[in-house]
Protein backbone atom coordinates (compact mmCIF):
# COMPACT_ATOMS: atom_id res chain seq x y z
CA MET A 1 40.03 -60.73 -75.30
CA ALA A 2 43.62 -60.73 -76.06
CA SER A 3 43.24 -59.39 -79.85
CA SER A 4 40.47 -56.52 -78.32
CA ILE A 5 42.89 -55.34 -75.82
CA GLY A 6 45.91 -55.25 -78.12
CA ASP A 7 44.14 -52.45 -80.29
CA GLU A 8 44.17 -50.38 -77.14
CA LYS A 9 47.14 -47.68 -77.14
CA THR A 10 48.45 -48.44 -73.38
CA VAL A 11 47.35 -50.88 -70.93
CA ASN A 12 45.60 -49.68 -67.60
CA PRO A 13 47.95 -50.27 -64.17
CA VAL A 14 46.01 -52.14 -61.38
CA LEU A 15 45.32 -50.56 -57.95
CA ARG A 16 47.62 -51.91 -55.13
CA ILE A 17 44.43 -53.05 -52.93
CA SER A 18 43.17 -54.72 -56.08
CA GLN A 19 46.39 -56.45 -56.47
CA LEU A 20 46.38 -57.67 -52.82
CA ASP A 21 42.69 -58.65 -53.01
CA ALA A 22 43.29 -61.15 -55.94
CA LEU A 23 45.94 -62.86 -53.95
CA GLU A 24 43.73 -63.33 -50.93
CA LEU A 25 41.07 -64.83 -53.62
CA ASN A 26 43.51 -67.21 -54.87
CA LYS A 27 44.96 -68.10 -51.33
CA ALA A 28 40.68 -69.01 -50.17
CA LEU A 29 40.19 -70.65 -53.37
CA GLU A 30 43.17 -73.31 -52.96
CA GLN A 31 41.84 -73.77 -48.96
CA LEU A 32 38.11 -74.32 -50.23
CA VAL A 33 39.62 -76.66 -53.31
CA TRP A 34 42.02 -78.71 -50.73
CA SER A 35 39.10 -79.27 -47.97
CA GLN A 36 36.37 -80.47 -50.36
CA PHE A 37 39.09 -82.69 -51.44
CA THR A 38 40.07 -83.84 -48.03
CA SER A 39 36.09 -84.14 -47.42
CA CYS A 40 36.34 -87.16 -49.39
CA PHE A 41 38.55 -88.83 -47.61
CA HIS A 42 36.64 -89.04 -44.21
CA GLY A 43 35.57 -92.41 -44.32
CA PHE A 44 39.15 -93.74 -44.40
CA LYS A 45 41.73 -94.33 -42.49
CA PRO A 46 43.03 -90.91 -40.62
CA GLY A 47 45.95 -90.16 -41.73
CA VAL A 48 45.91 -91.86 -45.02
CA LEU A 49 46.32 -88.45 -47.07
CA ALA A 50 49.16 -87.28 -44.17
CA HIS A 51 52.01 -89.20 -46.02
CA PHE A 52 51.07 -87.92 -49.77
CA GLU A 53 49.91 -84.40 -48.56
CA PRO A 54 52.57 -82.01 -50.28
CA GLU A 55 52.10 -84.07 -53.99
CA VAL A 56 48.43 -83.74 -53.52
CA LYS A 57 48.30 -79.90 -52.94
CA ALA A 58 51.09 -79.55 -55.84
CA PHE A 59 48.58 -81.44 -58.21
CA LEU A 60 45.99 -79.62 -57.60
CA CYS A 61 47.86 -76.91 -57.89
CA LEU A 62 49.03 -77.68 -61.25
CA ILE A 63 45.25 -78.33 -61.98
CA LEU A 64 44.50 -74.81 -61.12
CA TRP A 65 47.36 -73.45 -62.82
CA ARG A 66 46.53 -75.39 -66.44
CA PHE A 67 43.04 -74.10 -66.36
CA THR A 68 44.06 -70.12 -65.03
CA VAL A 69 47.14 -69.07 -65.47
CA TYR A 70 48.10 -71.09 -69.06
CA SER A 71 45.06 -71.16 -70.62
CA LYS A 72 43.77 -67.36 -69.81
CA ASN A 73 46.89 -65.51 -68.63
CA ALA A 74 45.03 -64.84 -65.02
CA THR A 75 44.60 -66.61 -61.82
CA VAL A 76 41.10 -66.99 -60.16
CA GLY A 77 41.43 -64.05 -58.09
CA GLN A 78 42.51 -61.82 -60.89
CA ALA A 79 39.84 -63.04 -63.30
CA ILE A 80 36.88 -61.82 -60.49
CA LEU A 81 38.78 -58.47 -59.99
CA ASN A 82 38.53 -57.98 -64.22
CA ILE A 83 42.83 -58.46 -64.21
CA GLN A 84 45.07 -60.58 -65.98
CA TYR A 85 49.02 -60.64 -66.28
CA LYS A 86 50.88 -59.08 -69.17
CA ASN A 87 54.36 -60.01 -70.20
CA ASN A 88 55.95 -56.63 -69.06
CA LEU A 89 59.51 -57.97 -70.96
CA SER A 90 57.64 -56.71 -74.14
CA GLN A 91 59.22 -53.39 -75.54
CA THR A 92 55.51 -52.08 -76.27
CA GLU A 93 53.22 -50.73 -74.00
CA LYS A 94 50.31 -52.30 -75.71
CA TYR A 95 48.94 -55.64 -73.99
CA GLN A 96 51.04 -58.96 -74.48
CA PRO A 97 49.79 -62.08 -72.99
CA LEU A 98 52.44 -64.02 -71.28
CA SER A 99 54.98 -66.14 -73.60
CA LYS A 100 55.01 -70.35 -73.11
CA HIS A 101 58.26 -70.30 -70.98
CA GLN A 102 56.86 -67.07 -68.85
CA LYS A 103 53.65 -69.66 -67.39
CA LEU A 104 55.92 -72.81 -67.05
CA TRP A 105 58.24 -70.77 -64.80
CA TYR A 106 55.67 -69.24 -63.11
CA LEU A 107 54.21 -73.14 -62.57
CA LEU A 108 57.96 -73.79 -61.06
CA PHE A 109 58.31 -71.12 -58.67
CA THR A 110 54.83 -71.15 -57.26
CA VAL A 111 53.68 -74.72 -57.12
CA GLY A 112 57.41 -76.38 -57.38
CA GLY A 113 58.87 -74.04 -54.62
CA ARG A 114 56.20 -74.59 -52.18
CA TRP A 115 56.21 -78.31 -52.59
CA LEU A 116 59.59 -78.04 -51.87
CA GLU A 117 59.20 -76.28 -49.19
CA GLU A 118 57.17 -78.58 -47.73
CA ARG A 119 58.77 -81.83 -48.71
CA CYS A 120 62.40 -80.69 -47.88
CA TYR A 121 62.27 -81.62 -43.95
CA ASP A 122 60.73 -85.36 -44.68
CA LEU A 123 63.76 -85.99 -47.36
CA PHE A 124 66.47 -84.78 -45.31
CA SER A 125 65.35 -85.80 -42.07
CA ASN A 126 66.30 -89.33 -41.97
CA HIS A 127 69.48 -88.88 -43.19
CA GLN A 128 72.09 -87.81 -40.62
CA GLN A 129 75.16 -88.12 -42.96
CA GLN A 130 76.92 -84.77 -43.20
CA SER A 131 76.81 -84.03 -46.39
CA PHE A 132 72.60 -84.37 -46.34
CA CYS A 133 73.13 -81.94 -43.25
CA LYS A 134 75.07 -79.26 -44.99
CA ILE A 135 72.61 -79.66 -48.15
CA LYS A 136 69.44 -79.08 -45.31
CA SER A 137 71.15 -76.04 -44.14
CA TYR A 138 71.66 -74.54 -47.73
CA ILE A 139 68.05 -74.94 -48.70
CA SER A 140 67.41 -73.28 -44.93
CA PHE A 141 69.54 -70.26 -45.74
CA GLY A 142 68.42 -70.46 -49.33
CA ALA A 143 64.45 -70.26 -47.84
CA GLY A 144 65.39 -67.46 -45.41
CA LEU A 145 66.87 -65.76 -48.11
CA LEU A 146 63.98 -66.02 -50.78
CA LYS A 147 61.52 -64.78 -47.50
CA LEU A 148 63.85 -61.50 -46.89
CA CYS A 149 63.75 -60.90 -50.75
CA GLY A 150 60.10 -60.84 -50.56
CA LEU A 151 59.45 -58.79 -48.14
CA LEU A 152 61.91 -56.05 -49.59
CA ASN A 153 59.71 -56.72 -53.29
CA PHE A 154 56.50 -55.97 -51.12
CA LEU A 155 58.21 -52.93 -49.45
CA ILE A 156 59.13 -51.49 -53.23
CA PHE A 157 55.16 -52.88 -54.51
CA LEU A 158 53.73 -50.47 -51.77
CA ARG A 159 55.80 -47.78 -52.98
CA LYS A 160 55.72 -48.34 -56.87
CA GLY A 161 52.39 -50.40 -56.97
CA THR A 162 53.81 -53.00 -59.65
CA PHE A 163 54.94 -56.71 -58.74
CA ALA A 164 53.07 -57.67 -55.89
CA THR A 165 54.91 -61.06 -55.51
CA LEU A 166 58.67 -61.80 -55.82
CA THR A 167 57.89 -64.18 -58.92
CA GLU A 168 56.00 -61.50 -60.80
CA ARG A 169 59.14 -59.59 -60.67
CA ILE A 170 61.66 -62.25 -61.51
CA LEU A 171 59.74 -63.31 -64.74
CA GLY A 172 58.87 -59.48 -65.60
CA ILE A 173 54.96 -60.11 -65.46
CA ARG A 174 52.65 -57.41 -64.63
CA SER A 175 49.00 -57.16 -63.52
CA VAL A 176 46.75 -55.07 -65.58
CA PHE A 177 43.23 -54.40 -65.86
CA CYS A 178 41.40 -56.31 -68.61
CA LYS A 179 39.13 -53.54 -69.39
CA PRO A 180 39.29 -49.87 -68.68
CA GLN A 181 38.71 -49.09 -65.09
CA SER A 182 35.21 -48.04 -64.26
CA VAL A 183 34.09 -45.98 -61.27
CA ARG A 184 33.89 -48.17 -58.33
CA GLN A 185 30.20 -48.22 -56.97
CA VAL A 186 30.90 -48.92 -53.04
CA GLY A 187 27.80 -49.95 -51.45
CA PHE A 188 27.11 -49.95 -47.78
CA GLU A 189 24.57 -51.99 -47.47
CA TYR A 190 26.44 -54.94 -45.62
CA MET A 191 27.84 -52.62 -43.47
CA ASN A 192 25.05 -51.29 -42.46
CA ARG A 193 23.88 -54.84 -41.51
CA GLU A 194 27.19 -55.45 -39.51
CA LEU A 195 26.64 -52.23 -37.68
CA LEU A 196 23.26 -52.96 -36.45
CA TRP A 197 23.93 -56.51 -36.01
CA HIS A 198 26.64 -55.40 -33.69
CA GLY A 199 25.00 -52.63 -31.70
CA PHE A 200 22.21 -54.88 -31.22
CA ALA A 201 24.55 -57.73 -29.70
CA GLU A 202 26.41 -54.61 -27.38
CA PHE A 203 22.82 -53.98 -25.77
CA LEU A 204 21.73 -57.57 -25.62
CA ILE A 205 25.21 -57.95 -24.01
CA TYR A 206 24.56 -54.94 -21.47
CA LEU A 207 20.74 -56.02 -20.78
CA LEU A 208 20.82 -59.61 -19.82
CA PRO A 209 22.98 -59.36 -16.60
CA LEU A 210 20.62 -57.27 -15.52
CA ILE A 211 17.73 -59.58 -16.11
CA ASN A 212 16.70 -62.36 -13.06
CA VAL A 213 16.45 -65.64 -15.78
CA GLN A 214 16.26 -67.74 -13.07
CA LYS A 215 13.60 -66.05 -11.00
CA LEU A 216 11.15 -64.79 -14.45
CA LYS A 217 11.85 -68.89 -14.96
CA LEU A 218 10.42 -69.65 -11.82
CA LYS A 219 7.61 -66.91 -11.95
CA ILE A 220 6.25 -68.50 -15.45
CA SER A 221 5.98 -71.90 -14.16
CA SER A 222 4.34 -71.07 -11.27
CA TRP A 223 1.71 -69.61 -12.96
CA CYS A 224 1.52 -72.53 -15.59
CA LEU A 225 1.15 -75.05 -12.88
CA PRO A 226 -1.83 -74.79 -10.80
CA VAL A 227 -1.89 -74.67 -7.14
CA GLU A 228 -2.36 -77.66 -4.86
CA GLY A 229 -4.32 -76.91 -1.83
CA LEU A 230 -2.37 -78.62 0.74
CA SER A 231 -2.42 -78.88 4.84
CA ASN A 232 0.30 -77.07 6.84
CA SER A 233 1.20 -80.28 8.84
CA GLU A 234 4.43 -82.15 8.16
CA ASN A 235 3.01 -85.63 8.13
CA THR A 236 1.10 -84.20 5.06
CA LEU A 237 3.98 -82.64 3.66
CA ALA A 238 6.09 -85.93 3.52
CA SER A 239 3.31 -87.70 2.19
CA HIS A 240 2.63 -85.42 -0.75
CA SER A 241 6.20 -84.10 -1.90
CA ARG A 242 7.47 -86.98 -3.19
CA GLU A 243 9.83 -84.50 -5.51
CA CYS A 244 11.92 -81.32 -5.15
CA SER A 245 9.41 -78.71 -6.10
CA LEU A 246 12.86 -77.03 -8.22
CA CYS A 247 14.75 -80.01 -9.83
CA GLY A 248 12.16 -82.74 -10.33
CA GLU A 249 14.00 -85.69 -8.17
CA TRP A 250 13.45 -87.22 -4.83
CA PRO A 251 14.49 -84.29 -2.13
CA THR A 252 18.39 -85.08 -0.83
CA MET A 253 18.20 -83.80 2.31
CA PRO A 254 15.13 -82.23 2.13
CA HIS A 255 14.22 -78.87 3.49
CA THR A 256 10.96 -76.46 3.28
CA ILE A 257 10.56 -72.75 3.70
CA GLY A 258 7.59 -72.56 4.80
CA CYS A 259 4.99 -73.49 2.40
CA PRO A 260 3.60 -76.62 1.69
CA HIS A 261 6.55 -78.20 -1.07
CA VAL A 262 9.88 -79.69 -0.36
CA PHE A 263 13.25 -78.79 -1.87
CA CYS A 264 17.02 -80.21 -1.85
CA TYR A 265 19.10 -78.36 0.29
CA TYR A 266 21.18 -77.80 -2.19
CA CYS A 267 18.52 -76.57 -5.06
CA ILE A 268 17.00 -74.05 -2.44
CA LYS A 269 20.68 -73.01 -0.71
CA SER A 270 22.03 -72.27 -4.34
CA ASN A 271 18.67 -70.67 -5.41
CA TYR A 272 18.75 -68.72 -2.49
CA LEU A 273 21.99 -67.30 -2.45
CA PHE A 274 21.76 -66.28 -6.15
CA ASP A 275 18.23 -64.50 -5.42
CA MET A 276 17.39 -63.02 -1.90
CA TYR A 277 13.90 -62.59 -2.80
CA PHE A 278 13.38 -66.19 -4.22
CA THR A 279 9.93 -67.35 -4.12
CA CYS A 280 8.45 -70.52 -4.64
CA PRO A 281 7.60 -72.08 -7.84
CA LYS A 282 4.84 -73.29 -7.18
CA CYS A 283 2.86 -71.58 -4.95
CA GLY A 284 5.13 -68.29 -5.03
CA SER A 285 5.69 -67.93 -1.62
CA GLU A 286 9.09 -66.33 -0.22
CA VAL A 287 11.31 -67.78 1.66
CA HIS A 288 10.54 -67.04 5.53
CA THR A 289 12.51 -69.92 7.20
CA LEU A 290 14.90 -72.68 5.87
CA GLN A 291 14.41 -75.74 7.77
CA PRO A 292 14.91 -79.38 7.36
CA LEU A 293 12.03 -81.99 7.49
CA LYS A 294 12.62 -84.51 10.83
CA TYR A 295 14.54 -87.50 10.74
CA LYS A 296 11.30 -89.71 11.49
CA ILE A 297 9.19 -88.56 8.69
CA GLU A 298 11.68 -88.54 5.92
CA MET A 299 12.26 -92.58 6.88
CA THR A 300 8.43 -93.00 7.25
CA GLU A 301 7.78 -91.69 3.44
CA LEU A 302 11.34 -93.48 2.14
CA HIS A 303 9.74 -96.95 3.49
CA ALA A 304 6.28 -95.96 2.19
């Protein structure tokens, strides 16, 4: 690939958005590899990787570096977007691959720097000597200074469009297109699906509070269950109604609404407060009067 690109007169600069997309793809790949790796240890004792997490992450990043930057002069995110690194220190405008030293320094700055940042606190947290405290303060100051330089580099990148990271600027490596950039085809199918789904979800959010789901459910249940012909006497009511018509359990503080069915007090009261047009799910009768059953009848049914 390098030989074919070397025949070109010049290289093609990369758009800022493409460089940022490549960085985000690299982060997503690292998180995916780490999640897949940690899933292999779900059956082990919890915290088995906690003491060696920085070293394990560094080892996985080393493997990724070996098969991406070292062998192909491009990260995984860059390879997906048809991008690769160019040795910007060369005097010619033609494509020049990264030197071996640049690849090794890239590994040291990215993988080694991340490992040092994660392991720095553990290395000096158990030492209370003044020398170790000074070293820790120096490292913290250096990390803050690097973050400030990274911010300045990002602002320069937004203006000029080269060297998206501080490591690229220090090592003199630049992102270029592997092949001449073609016209970008933008498809709106995914956006249309998202807009349609969000519109449908907003319609449901607006519509569902207007529907009395409880009453609708009770209405359907009244259609499915046959209506039993019972007498209106309280003795018949107590002998046939061994369960609440709403919850299906033995009636607690049984009450009636004027139809031959019994309800728990809290069941019928909560439903009636929620819906003033509440009807019996068994026979469809409206709530005329909420009256408790007589104590003698309730105790007779309990002993029966």
